[in-house]
């Protein structure tokens, strides 16, 4: 059974930092891209960042470039999202998601569509940034 479990959310003030964690199980970790998405109240879900060992690539939404860093630990089957210089507009429920990359469309396709067609999703963790 595939499971993605997020943790690390909370309430912080603007300018502070927070690290989210995603624990993955039930699939071959390095064959998958694992991404962070977020959804704020009244807004559509958006891709924040993704990491893929198969493609040797990481991607970020423009809104978080330079502030957020994604990393993974294959041995621990963990993906992290280090969020710095947090802003009130970063307030959202953050979701971890996974999609199989090995045997799928090539890296060029993934570079153009880093946040498409994710198959597995976690339950989400709330991040609230106060001004």
Protein backbone atom coordinates (compact mmCIF):
# COMPACT_ATOMS: atom_id res chain seq x y z
CA UNK A 1 0.00 0.00 0.00
CA UNK A 2 1.36 3.40 -0.99
CA UNK A 3 1.45 5.92 1.83
CA UNK A 4 2.61 9.49 2.01
CA UNK A 5 2.50 11.12 5.42
CA UNK A 6 3.28 14.80 5.87
CA UNK A 7 4.42 16.43 9.09
CA UNK A 8 6.01 19.64 10.29
CA UNK A 9 3.29 22.17 9.61
CA UNK A 10 2.40 24.85 12.10
CA UNK A 11 1.91 28.52 12.85
CA UNK A 12 4.86 30.86 12.27
CA UNK A 13 5.39 34.57 11.85
CA UNK A 14 6.34 36.19 8.58
CA UNK A 15 10.06 35.92 7.92
CA UNK A 16 10.47 32.74 9.90
CA UNK A 17 11.34 29.27 8.63
CA UNK A 18 9.71 25.85 8.72
CA UNK A 19 10.64 22.41 7.43
CA UNK A 20 8.02 19.98 6.19
CA UNK A 21 8.64 16.25 6.01
CA UNK A 22 7.04 13.57 3.87
CA UNK A 23 7.45 9.92 4.81
CA UNK A 24 6.94 7.60 1.83
CA UNK A 25 6.25 3.88 1.79
CA UNK A 26 4.83 1.20 -0.49
CA UNK A 27 6.74 1.97 -3.69
CA UNK A 28 10.27 2.03 -5.09
CA UNK A 29 11.34 5.41 -3.78
CA UNK A 30 13.97 6.35 -6.38
CA UNK A 31 11.66 5.51 -9.30
CA UNK A 32 9.25 8.27 -8.34
CA UNK A 33 9.16 12.02 -8.39
CA UNK A 34 7.89 13.37 -5.09
CA UNK A 35 6.41 16.83 -4.99
CA UNK A 36 4.96 19.34 -2.62
CA UNK A 37 1.71 21.03 -3.56
CA UNK A 38 -0.31 23.56 -1.60
CA UNK A 39 -3.85 24.79 -1.53
CA UNK A 40 -4.95 28.00 0.12
CA UNK A 41 -8.60 28.67 1.02
CA UNK A 42 -10.56 29.62 -2.07
CA UNK A 43 -7.65 28.93 -4.41
CA UNK A 44 -6.67 26.09 -6.70
CA UNK A 45 -4.02 23.63 -5.69
CA UNK A 46 -0.59 24.57 -7.03
CA UNK A 47 2.70 22.79 -7.39
CA UNK A 48 5.41 24.16 -5.11
CA UNK A 49 8.44 21.95 -5.69
CA UNK A 50 9.35 18.49 -6.91
CA UNK A 51 12.37 16.21 -6.83
CA UNK A 52 13.10 13.24 -9.07
CA UNK A 53 16.16 10.99 -8.77
CA UNK A 54 15.27 9.31 -12.06
CA UNK A 55 15.53 12.67 -13.83
CA UNK A 56 18.24 14.04 -11.51
CA UNK A 57 16.15 17.16 -11.26
CA UNK A 58 14.39 19.52 -8.90
CA UNK A 59 11.86 22.17 -9.85
CA UNK A 60 10.28 25.07 -8.03
CA UNK A 61 7.33 27.34 -8.56
CA UNK A 62 8.43 30.90 -9.29
CA UNK A 63 6.72 32.10 -6.13
CA UNK A 64 9.06 30.09 -3.90
CA UNK A 65 12.36 30.11 -5.80
CA UNK A 66 15.19 31.25 -3.60
CA UNK A 67 13.14 30.71 -0.42
CA UNK A 68 12.22 27.02 -0.45
CA UNK A 69 14.54 24.03 -0.85
CA UNK A 70 13.46 20.46 -1.54
CA UNK A 71 15.62 17.50 -0.61
CA UNK A 72 15.29 13.76 -0.20
CA UNK A 73 16.88 10.91 1.71
CA UNK A 74 16.46 7.62 -0.14
CA UNK A 75 17.68 5.52 2.78
CA UNK A 76 15.04 7.02 5.05
CA UNK A 77 12.45 7.34 2.28
CA UNK A 78 11.88 10.94 3.25
CA UNK A 79 11.37 14.15 1.31
CA UNK A 80 11.80 17.52 2.97
CA UNK A 81 10.73 21.04 2.11
CA UNK A 82 12.76 23.70 3.84
CA UNK A 83 10.77 26.93 3.75
CA UNK A 84 12.47 30.21 4.65
CA UNK A 85 11.47 33.87 4.61
CA UNK A 86 7.87 32.75 4.91
CA UNK A 87 5.15 35.15 3.84
CA UNK A 88 1.45 35.30 4.74
CA UNK A 89 0.67 34.25 1.17
CA UNK A 90 2.44 30.95 1.84
CA UNK A 91 -0.42 30.03 4.17
CA UNK A 92 -2.01 26.83 2.85
CA UNK A 93 -2.44 23.14 3.35
CA UNK A 94 0.70 21.51 1.99
CA UNK A 95 0.43 18.09 0.36
CA UNK A 96 3.06 15.55 -0.55
CA UNK A 97 2.45 13.66 -3.81
CA UNK A 98 4.23 11.02 -5.88
CA UNK A 99 4.29 9.94 -9.51
CA UNK A 100 6.29 7.14 -11.10
CA UNK A 101 8.99 8.52 -13.37
CA UNK A 102 11.04 5.45 -14.35
CA UNK A 103 9.52 4.07 -17.54
CA UNK A 104 7.40 7.17 -18.05
CA UNK A 105 7.81 10.16 -20.34
CA UNK A 106 11.39 11.43 -20.66
CA UNK A 107 13.16 14.11 -18.70
CA UNK A 108 12.43 16.80 -21.28
CA UNK A 109 8.72 16.18 -20.86
CA UNK A 110 9.08 16.25 -17.07
CA UNK A 111 10.97 19.55 -17.21
CA UNK A 112 7.98 21.07 -19.03
CA UNK A 113 5.38 19.40 -16.81
CA UNK A 114 6.91 18.94 -13.35
CA UNK A 115 3.57 19.10 -11.54
CA UNK A 116 1.33 17.00 -13.77
CA UNK A 117 -0.38 13.65 -13.22
CA UNK A 118 0.63 12.85 -9.65
CA UNK A 119 -0.85 9.53 -8.63
CA UNK A 120 -0.50 9.30 -4.87
CA UNK A 121 -1.30 11.95 -2.30
CA UNK A 122 -0.90 12.49 1.39
CA UNK A 123 -3.48 13.99 3.72
CA UNK A 124 -1.78 17.36 4.03
CA UNK A 125 -0.35 19.53 6.76
CA UNK A 126 -1.42 23.07 7.58
CA UNK A 127 1.05 25.93 7.35
CA UNK A 128 -0.10 29.30 8.64
CA UNK A 129 2.07 32.40 8.38
CA UNK A 130 0.96 35.39 10.38
CA UNK A 131 1.91 38.94 9.45
